[in-house]
Protein backbone atom coordinates (compact mmCIF):
# COMPACT_ATOMS: atom_id res chain seq x y z
CA MET A 1 -30.23 -33.20 12.57
CA THR A 2 -31.73 -33.59 9.27
CA LEU A 3 -34.89 -31.97 7.60
CA LEU A 4 -37.12 -34.63 6.38
CA THR A 5 -37.13 -35.58 3.01
CA PHE A 6 -39.05 -38.27 2.29
CA PRO A 7 -42.29 -37.92 -0.33
CA TYR A 8 -45.11 -37.29 1.82
CA ALA A 9 -43.83 -33.51 2.81
CA THR A 10 -47.05 -32.45 0.33
CA ILE A 11 -49.92 -35.05 1.63
CA PHE A 12 -52.33 -36.66 -0.66
CA ASP A 13 -54.95 -38.87 0.09
CA THR A 14 -55.19 -42.44 -0.99
CA SER A 15 -57.05 -41.42 -3.82
CA GLY A 16 -54.06 -38.89 -4.97
CA VAL A 17 -56.12 -36.17 -4.18
CA LEU A 18 -54.36 -33.29 -1.89
CA SER A 19 -55.13 -33.71 1.31
CA PRO A 20 -55.81 -30.17 3.17
CA GLY A 21 -54.92 -30.38 7.15
CA ALA A 22 -53.68 -34.05 6.92
CA LYS A 23 -51.52 -34.85 10.08
CA ALA A 24 -48.29 -36.23 10.12
CA TYR A 25 -47.35 -37.92 13.62
CA PHE A 26 -43.88 -38.81 14.71
CA TYR A 27 -43.16 -41.66 17.29
CA GLN A 28 -40.46 -43.68 18.74
CA SER A 29 -39.31 -46.82 16.13
CA GLY A 30 -41.85 -49.84 16.54
CA THR A 31 -43.75 -47.52 19.35
CA THR A 32 -46.78 -45.32 19.78
CA THR A 33 -44.49 -42.77 22.04
CA PRO A 34 -44.64 -39.79 20.71
CA LEU A 35 -40.80 -38.49 19.22
CA ASP A 36 -40.08 -34.36 18.76
CA THR A 37 -39.25 -33.08 15.48
CA TYR A 38 -38.00 -29.34 14.66
CA SER A 39 -39.05 -26.45 12.64
CA ASP A 40 -34.90 -25.33 12.67
CA ALA A 41 -31.81 -27.32 11.85
CA ASP A 42 -30.38 -26.39 15.43
CA LEU A 43 -33.18 -28.33 16.63
CA GLN A 44 -34.29 -25.28 19.16
CA THR A 45 -37.64 -25.02 18.23
CA ALA A 46 -40.18 -28.35 18.74
CA ASN A 47 -43.05 -28.78 15.90
CA THR A 48 -46.35 -30.03 17.40
CA ASN A 49 -47.16 -33.40 17.13
CA PRO A 50 -49.16 -34.22 14.98
CA VAL A 51 -47.15 -31.47 12.21
CA ILE A 52 -50.44 -30.01 10.49
CA ALA A 53 -50.63 -29.72 7.26
CA ASP A 54 -51.72 -26.28 5.42
CA ALA A 55 -54.76 -25.83 3.08
CA ALA A 56 -52.67 -26.94 0.29
CA GLY A 57 -51.76 -30.37 2.46
CA ALA A 58 -48.08 -28.93 2.77
CA LEU A 59 -46.55 -29.65 5.71
CA GLY A 60 -43.85 -26.84 6.82
CA PRO A 61 -40.21 -27.57 7.74
CA ILE A 62 -39.33 -31.12 9.87
CA TYR A 63 -35.92 -31.17 11.16
CA LEU A 64 -35.34 -34.84 12.43
CA LYS A 65 -32.88 -35.96 15.12
CA ALA A 66 -30.11 -38.69 13.68
CA GLN A 67 -32.12 -41.91 15.37
CA GLN A 68 -34.96 -44.04 13.86
CA TYR A 69 -38.78 -43.15 13.61
CA LYS A 70 -42.25 -44.17 13.41
CA VAL A 71 -44.19 -41.73 10.88
CA VAL A 72 -48.12 -42.16 10.19
CA VAL A 73 -49.74 -39.83 8.09
CA LYS A 74 -53.36 -39.26 8.17
CA ASP A 75 -56.07 -37.01 6.79
CA ALA A 76 -57.96 -34.31 8.44
CA ASN A 77 -60.41 -36.70 9.86
CA ASP A 78 -57.67 -38.92 10.59
CA SER A 79 -58.01 -41.99 8.72
CA THR A 80 -54.46 -43.39 8.34
CA ILE A 81 -52.85 -42.49 4.90
CA LYS A 82 -49.59 -43.96 5.31
CA THR A 83 -47.31 -45.92 8.05
CA ILE A 84 -43.76 -45.80 7.88
CA ASP A 85 -41.91 -47.34 10.40
CA ASN A 86 -38.01 -47.62 11.08
CA TYR A 87 -37.54 -44.32 9.15
CA SER A 88 -33.78 -43.61 9.24
CA PRO A 89 -33.06 -39.87 8.26
CA ILE A 90 -29.97 -39.02 6.15
CA ALA A 91 -27.78 -37.37 9.04
CA THR A 92 -26.98 -33.92 7.84
CA GLY A 93 -23.20 -34.40 7.32
CA GLU A 94 -24.36 -36.66 4.87
CA GLN A 95 -26.31 -34.38 2.86
CA ILE A 96 -25.89 -33.96 -1.10
CA LEU A 97 -26.40 -30.36 -1.99
CA TRP A 98 -26.63 -29.18 -5.44
CA ALA A 99 -25.20 -25.77 -5.80
CA GLY A 100 -27.26 -23.99 -9.33
CA THR A 101 -26.02 -20.91 -9.14
CA VAL A 102 -22.13 -20.55 -9.53
CA GLY A 103 -20.42 -17.27 -9.41
CA GLY A 104 -16.94 -14.88 -8.36
CA THR A 105 -13.70 -15.54 -10.43
CA ALA A 106 -11.96 -18.78 -11.03
CA ASP A 107 -10.07 -19.12 -7.84
CA ALA A 108 -12.40 -17.29 -5.70
CA VAL A 109 -15.94 -19.32 -6.70
CA LEU A 110 -19.48 -18.13 -4.92
CA LEU A 111 -22.00 -21.05 -4.94
CA THR A 112 -25.84 -20.48 -4.18
CA THR A 113 -27.68 -23.32 -2.92
CA ASP A 114 -31.92 -23.84 -3.61
CA PRO A 115 -33.10 -23.80 -0.68
CA LEU A 116 -30.46 -21.80 1.01
CA ILE A 117 -28.66 -23.54 4.22
CA ASN A 118 -28.17 -21.31 7.38
CA ALA A 119 -25.37 -23.35 8.92
CA LEU A 120 -22.03 -25.38 7.27
CA ARG A 121 -22.07 -28.70 8.79
CA ASP A 122 -19.47 -31.34 9.08
CA GLY A 123 -19.44 -33.90 6.10
CA THR A 124 -22.15 -32.13 4.25
CA ARG A 125 -21.46 -32.44 0.51
CA PHE A 126 -21.81 -30.06 -2.40
CA TRP A 127 -21.94 -30.47 -6.23
CA TRP A 128 -21.28 -27.38 -8.31
CA ARG A 129 -20.09 -27.00 -12.27
CA ALA A 130 -16.80 -24.99 -12.29
CA LEU A 131 -17.33 -22.00 -14.73
CA SER A 132 -13.94 -21.73 -15.76
CA SER A 133 -10.38 -23.67 -14.96
CA ASN A 134 -8.61 -22.00 -11.93
CA THR A 135 -4.82 -20.58 -12.02
CA GLY A 136 -3.59 -21.73 -9.06
CA ALA A 137 -5.45 -22.04 -5.31
CA MET A 138 -9.15 -21.79 -4.89
CA THR A 139 -12.14 -20.64 -2.34
CA VAL A 140 -15.04 -20.99 -2.07
CA ASN A 141 -17.96 -19.19 -0.59
CA VAL A 142 -21.13 -21.13 0.09
CA ASP A 143 -24.27 -18.79 0.87
CA GLY A 144 -22.23 -16.42 2.15
CA LEU A 145 -21.38 -18.67 5.02
CA GLY A 146 -17.62 -17.54 4.89
CA VAL A 147 -14.56 -18.07 2.59
CA LYS A 148 -13.20 -21.38 2.78
CA SER A 149 -9.70 -23.02 0.80
CA LEU A 150 -10.62 -25.72 -1.87
CA LYS A 151 -7.88 -28.64 -0.95
CA TRP A 152 -7.50 -31.96 -2.19
CA PRO A 153 -8.28 -34.25 0.90
CA ASN A 154 -4.42 -34.69 2.19
CA GLY A 155 -4.04 -30.99 2.70
CA ALA A 156 -2.48 -30.23 -1.05
CA VAL A 157 -3.65 -26.60 -2.48
CA LEU A 158 -4.88 -26.88 -5.79
CA ARG A 159 -2.61 -26.01 -8.67
CA ALA A 160 -3.31 -24.19 -12.24
CA SER A 161 -5.96 -26.24 -14.05
CA ASP A 162 -6.71 -28.82 -10.99
CA VAL A 163 -10.58 -27.82 -11.67
CA ALA A 164 -11.35 -27.74 -15.31
CA ALA A 165 -13.62 -25.65 -16.80
CA ASP A 166 -17.56 -27.10 -17.18
CA ALA A 167 -15.92 -29.73 -14.67
CA ILE A 168 -18.83 -30.94 -12.20
CA ILE A 169 -16.92 -30.53 -9.12
CA GLU A 170 -18.00 -32.76 -5.91
CA MET A 171 -16.48 -31.43 -2.54
CA VAL A 172 -17.08 -32.05 1.40
CA TYR A 173 -16.95 -29.69 4.12
CA ASP A 174 -14.25 -30.38 7.00
CA ILE A 175 -15.10 -28.82 10.25
CA THR A 176 -11.75 -29.55 11.64
CA ASN A 177 -9.71 -27.91 9.28
CA ASP A 178 -12.70 -25.50 7.98
CA VAL A 179 -12.00 -26.20 4.74
CA TYR A 180 -13.59 -27.74 1.57
CA ASN A 181 -11.72 -30.89 0.04
CA ILE A 182 -12.17 -31.97 -3.68
CA ILE A 183 -13.95 -35.82 -3.49
CA SER A 184 -14.28 -36.02 -7.29
CA THR A 185 -14.02 -34.35 -10.39
CA THR A 186 -15.47 -35.27 -14.04
CA ALA A 187 -12.20 -33.65 -15.63
CA PRO A 188 -9.85 -34.66 -12.81
CA PRO A 189 -5.91 -33.55 -13.61
CA LEU A 190 -3.74 -35.71 -16.02
CA TYR A 191 -0.94 -35.93 -13.11
CA ALA A 192 -0.32 -38.04 -10.43
CA SER A 193 1.28 -35.61 -8.15
CA ASN A 194 -2.12 -33.32 -7.16
CA LEU A 195 -1.95 -36.13 -4.70
CA ASN A 196 1.10 -34.26 -3.57
CA ALA A 197 2.59 -38.04 -2.98
CA ASP A 198 5.03 -40.02 -4.31
CA ILE A 199 4.15 -44.02 -5.02
CA VAL A 200 6.29 -46.35 -3.15
CA ASP A 201 7.02 -49.97 -1.95
CA ASP A 202 4.75 -50.46 1.54
CA GLY A 203 7.59 -53.38 2.07
CA SER A 204 4.99 -56.44 1.02
CA GLY A 205 5.71 -55.79 -2.80
CA ASN A 206 2.58 -53.43 -3.18
CA LEU A 207 2.43 -49.83 -4.34
CA THR A 208 1.36 -47.29 -1.99
CA THR A 209 1.33 -43.13 -1.66
CA MET A 210 4.05 -41.48 1.04
CA ILE A 211 2.61 -38.83 2.20
CA ALA A 212 4.38 -35.54 1.30
CA VAL A 213 5.22 -33.95 4.57
CA VAL A 214 5.32 -34.57 8.16
CA PRO A 215 6.91 -31.69 9.87
CA HIS A 216 8.62 -31.68 13.16
CA ALA A 217 8.82 -29.26 15.50
CA VAL A 218 10.47 -31.31 18.73
CA ASP A 219 12.04 -34.36 19.55
CA PHE A 220 9.82 -37.66 18.58
CA SER A 221 9.92 -41.32 18.34
CA PHE A 222 9.05 -43.26 14.91
CA VAL A 223 6.20 -45.87 15.57
CA ALA A 224 5.22 -48.46 13.16
CA THR A 225 2.78 -46.39 11.16
CA ASP A 226 5.55 -43.56 10.54
CA ARG A 227 6.25 -46.14 7.65
CA VAL A 228 5.68 -44.30 4.23
CA LYS A 229 5.77 -40.78 4.98
CA ARG A 230 8.34 -38.09 4.80
CA HIS A 231 9.75 -36.28 7.76
CA ARG A 232 10.74 -33.00 7.70
CA SER A 233 12.48 -30.98 10.65
CA SER A 234 10.98 -27.64 11.18
CA ALA A 235 13.32 -26.69 14.25
CA ALA A 236 16.99 -27.00 14.55
CA SER A 237 18.70 -29.82 16.52
CA LYS A 238 16.23 -32.28 17.42
CA THR A 239 16.52 -36.13 17.83
CA TRP A 240 14.11 -38.47 16.01
CA MET A 241 14.69 -42.01 17.94
CA LEU A 242 13.94 -45.12 15.52
CA LEU A 243 11.27 -47.82 16.65
CA ALA A 244 13.40 -51.24 17.26
CA ALA A 245 14.30 -52.69 13.83
CA ALA A 246 12.88 -56.00 15.11
CA THR A 247 9.54 -53.86 15.52
CA ALA A 248 9.61 -51.85 12.65
CA GLY A 249 10.07 -55.22 10.92
CA ASN A 250 11.20 -56.13 7.72
CA GLY A 251 10.70 -53.89 4.68
CA TRP A 252 9.61 -50.56 6.97
CA ASN A 253 11.03 -47.55 5.19
CA THR A 254 10.12 -44.34 5.90
CA GLU A 255 12.17 -40.60 4.40
CA VAL A 256 13.75 -38.01 6.54
CA GLU A 257 14.64 -34.46 5.64
CA ASP A 258 16.59 -32.04 7.43
CA VAL A 259 16.13 -28.22 6.49
CA SER A 260 17.26 -26.46 10.19
CA GLY A 261 20.24 -28.18 10.56
CA GLY A 262 21.70 -30.39 13.50
CA THR A 263 18.67 -33.40 13.24
CA VAL A 264 19.96 -36.48 14.97
CA ILE A 265 18.63 -39.82 13.66
CA ALA A 266 19.09 -42.26 16.60
CA SER A 267 18.56 -45.84 17.14
CA PRO A 268 18.07 -48.08 20.28
CA SER A 269 21.02 -50.03 19.26
CA THR A 270 24.27 -49.53 17.20
CA ASN A 271 22.92 -50.69 13.80
CA LEU A 272 22.45 -47.70 12.06
CA TYR A 273 24.49 -48.08 8.53
CA VAL A 274 25.17 -44.65 6.88
CA ASN A 275 25.81 -44.38 3.25
CA GLY A 276 27.67 -47.38 3.74
CA ALA A 277 30.05 -46.39 6.66
CA ALA A 278 30.26 -48.80 9.93
CA ALA A 279 27.35 -49.16 12.35
CA ALA A 280 27.10 -46.32 14.54
CA ALA A 281 23.73 -45.51 17.11
CA SER A 282 22.99 -41.75 15.60
CA TYR A 283 23.71 -39.94 12.27
CA THR A 284 23.33 -36.36 12.45
CA MET A 285 22.18 -34.34 9.59
CA VAL A 286 22.88 -30.88 8.37
CA ALA A 287 20.59 -28.03 6.68
CA GLY A 288 19.35 -28.99 3.28
CA GLU A 289 20.27 -33.11 4.09
CA PHE A 290 17.64 -35.76 3.08
CA GLY A 291 17.19 -39.79 2.92
CA SER A 292 15.56 -42.73 2.98
CA ILE A 293 16.01 -44.91 6.00
CA THR A 294 15.02 -48.84 5.51
CA THR A 295 15.37 -51.66 7.92
CA ASN A 296 15.51 -55.91 7.21
CA GLY A 297 14.71 -56.04 10.84
CA THR A 298 17.59 -56.15 12.22
CA ASP A 299 19.59 -53.22 10.94
CA TYR A 300 18.75 -49.67 9.92
CA TYR A 301 20.43 -48.53 6.88
CA LEU A 302 20.25 -44.87 5.87
CA SER A 303 20.81 -43.22 2.53
CA THR A 304 21.33 -39.65 2.26
CA ALA A 305 21.90 -36.69 -0.94
CA ASN A 306 22.58 -33.34 -0.85
CA ARG A 307 24.88 -33.22 2.22
CA HIS A 308 27.00 -30.06 1.92
CA ALA A 309 31.19 -31.14 1.82
CA SER A 310 33.17 -29.41 4.30
CA ALA A 311 36.88 -30.21 5.18
CA SER A 312 36.26 -32.86 7.55
CA VAL A 313 32.54 -34.40 5.93
CA SER A 314 32.13 -35.81 2.06
CA GLY A 315 29.27 -34.61 0.45
CA VAL A 316 27.86 -32.05 -2.14
CA ALA A 317 29.69 -29.16 -2.71
CA GLU A 318 28.39 -25.63 -5.21
CA LEU A 319 30.94 -24.42 -7.47
CA ALA A 320 32.20 -21.36 -7.39
CA THR A 321 31.64 -18.58 -10.08
CA ASN A 322 34.92 -16.56 -11.48
CA ALA A 323 34.16 -13.96 -9.61
CA GLU A 324 33.74 -15.79 -5.91
CA ALA A 325 37.02 -17.70 -6.93
CA GLN A 326 38.97 -14.37 -7.79
CA ALA A 327 37.74 -12.47 -4.34
CA GLY A 328 39.50 -15.91 -2.49
CA THR A 329 36.74 -15.43 0.36
CA ASP A 330 34.58 -18.30 0.25
CA ALA A 331 35.37 -21.02 2.27
CA SER A 332 32.13 -23.41 1.62
CA ARG A 333 32.38 -23.44 -2.24
CA THR A 334 34.56 -25.48 -4.91
CA ILE A 335 36.84 -24.44 -7.47
CA THR A 336 36.64 -25.63 -11.10
CA PRO A 337 39.62 -25.42 -13.69
CA ALA A 338 37.57 -22.32 -15.44
CA ALA A 339 37.64 -20.29 -12.49
CA LEU A 340 41.01 -21.50 -11.69
CA SER A 341 42.09 -19.87 -15.07
CA ALA A 342 39.87 -16.86 -13.94
CA VAL A 343 42.21 -16.34 -11.11
CA MET A 344 45.53 -17.28 -12.56
CA ASN A 345 44.54 -15.27 -16.01
CA ILE A 346 47.05 -12.30 -15.16
CA SER A 347 49.00 -10.46 -18.07
CA THR A 348 51.70 -7.66 -17.17
CA HIS A 349 50.95 -3.99 -16.80
CA ASP A 350 53.75 -1.23 -17.24
CA VAL A 351 52.08 1.60 -14.73
CA ALA A 352 54.87 3.72 -14.26
CA ALA A 353 53.52 6.93 -15.40
CA SER A 354 50.91 6.67 -12.86
CA ARG A 355 52.77 5.63 -9.94
CA ALA A 356 54.97 7.44 -7.58
CA LEU A 357 57.41 6.80 -4.60
CA ALA A 358 56.22 6.93 -1.12
CA THR A 359 52.78 6.68 -2.05
CA ASN A 360 50.16 4.79 -0.51
CA TYR A 361 48.02 2.27 -3.57
CA THR A 362 45.78 -0.29 -2.63
CA ASN A 363 45.61 -3.80 -4.13
CA SER A 364 41.87 -3.79 -5.14
CA TYR A 365 41.20 -6.48 -7.94
CA GLY A 366 40.25 -9.28 -5.22
CA TYR A 367 43.23 -11.17 -6.21
CA PRO A 368 46.84 -11.19 -5.27
CA ILE A 369 49.04 -9.10 -7.69
CA PHE A 370 52.76 -8.78 -8.23
CA VAL A 371 54.56 -5.90 -8.19
CA SER A 372 58.52 -4.88 -9.54
CA VAL A 373 59.82 -1.46 -9.12
CA THR A 374 63.24 -0.09 -10.11
CA PRO A 375 63.71 3.01 -8.75
CA SER A 376 66.36 5.58 -10.27
CA ALA A 377 68.59 7.73 -8.00
CA SER A 378 71.71 10.24 -8.10
CA GLY A 379 73.88 8.15 -5.51
CA ALA A 380 73.86 5.11 -3.41
CA ASN A 381 70.36 3.49 -2.97
CA THR A 382 67.92 0.88 -1.30
CA ALA A 383 65.14 0.11 -2.57
CA THR A 384 62.01 -0.73 -0.13
CA ALA A 385 58.44 -1.60 -0.24
CA ILE A 386 55.78 -1.77 2.63
CA VAL A 387 52.81 -3.96 2.09
CA ASP A 388 49.87 -4.11 4.58
CA GLY A 389 52.24 -2.39 7.37
CA VAL A 390 55.10 -4.79 6.81
CA SER A 391 58.57 -3.59 5.37
CA ILE A 392 60.55 -5.29 2.85
CA LYS A 393 63.65 -4.95 1.51
CA GLY A 394 65.13 -4.60 -1.78
CA SER A 395 68.45 -4.50 -3.62
CA SER A 396 70.80 -1.79 -2.63
CA TYR A 397 73.90 -0.21 -4.95
CA GLY A 398 76.87 1.86 -3.33
CA SER A 399 77.47 4.17 -6.09
CA SER A 400 75.08 6.68 -8.74
CA GLY A 401 74.14 5.08 -12.18
CA ALA A 402 72.86 1.87 -10.89
CA ASN A 403 69.55 1.49 -10.10
CA ALA A 404 68.21 -0.76 -6.97
CA SER A 405 64.90 -2.97 -7.71
CA ILE A 406 62.34 -4.48 -5.71
CA PHE A 407 59.79 -7.18 -6.12
CA PHE A 408 56.96 -8.12 -3.83
CA MET A 409 53.10 -9.42 -3.76
CA VAL A 410 50.36 -7.62 -2.49
CA PRO A 411 47.30 -9.61 -1.16
CA ALA A 412 44.00 -8.88 -2.02
CA GLY A 413 42.74 -5.35 -0.64
CA LYS A 414 46.15 -4.72 1.25
CA VAL A 415 47.82 -1.55 0.94
CA TYR A 416 51.30 -0.85 -0.24
CA GLN A 417 54.05 1.80 -1.23
CA VAL A 418 57.56 1.69 -2.29
CA ASN A 419 60.20 4.17 -1.40
CA ASP A 420 64.32 4.61 -2.03
CA THR A 421 66.83 5.73 -0.03
CA GLY A 422 68.90 7.51 -2.54
CA PRO A 423 69.26 11.47 -2.65
CA SER A 424 66.62 12.52 -5.41
CA PRO A 425 64.83 9.27 -6.56
CA THR A 426 62.23 8.78 -9.04
CA VAL A 427 60.35 6.03 -11.06
CA SER A 428 62.15 4.13 -13.59
CA ILE A 429 60.66 0.69 -13.90
CA TRP A 430 57.21 0.07 -12.59
CA VAL A 431 55.30 -3.02 -13.82
CA GLU A 432 52.55 -5.24 -12.12
CA TRP A 433 50.92 -8.21 -12.70
CA TYR A 434 47.25 -8.89 -12.16
């Protein structure tokens, strides 16, 4: 449906004089069969046929269906002024409207068209001049018909300065996604990443763009058109089945990314070579791993990166900080020489003044410490220790004047104490290494 836009909306006679009471007749193309026009964009209220001009020769609103018309314009005395056959109105969705009034903010734009429109229709285009550069994601509200996101055609959200101050923006309404998409701008960004895509070889030596992300939350099977796309898991432990290599054809390629963990890349045959390993029928990815798949039409080759290393799998490992190395509890990070030095960088401490026999102490340093104690007693004595509930026996002496001793290690976080079996024992020497 479309508002009639041909020049005789105001009628002049053949002498160029306004024609009050002029008549516009509408017929099916090539016939004299009357065809309705409408006074509203929703095509609910039919005009009279003919539509009669007012005293100034002006016709009221005339909305047409998307089909060809024959239009016959006559004066008030039914003398023909003009006949137009096979007239094809512009479909509403193909209208291009100038939004002459721009308001709001840089990121929340308010547009006003003249005349105002009363509804948004799929494919309608708008031109407007940006007042200032955007700072991030943008919205547009045309004629108060609702706030809609403004995006790039592939769905990418705008980034700062994608819309430049004073640039002329052409955008189109996408009714399916209820958004406006930028078609063109007189000041495009100076980077290609606004496409949210990579430039890749399409397998025939030609460059093309790779769609940024195709999310998958269920099991699915690849098809030929899934080439040059990046597939990302949005649910754990799903199986992605490759199509037969011969069907994919030489040069078919795509990318895969496992966000949730456990994604299985499977092939109909045992022809999947992963990171140079022997051919297999499937490969299970881990969370954070991504890679590219190519085929020569016979075999598939998957090269991955960011696979986390474990005791049984080679891959990428995060380095432990000094504190993590000293804590000794992390089973996923790897230790560097510097962190190892921090762990082993212990020194000797005389703590006799702050220690007593038969008293519990806790190793709170986050790593093992070493303890050497020499008690003193007035008679025969034996030094003992209890570490984490386990008894340890040191040296013994059978007469006074000779001191027993004990040396032991205390794991991180464990409780320890030292005792002596002799009469009236005291601490003579207590040294700790930490």
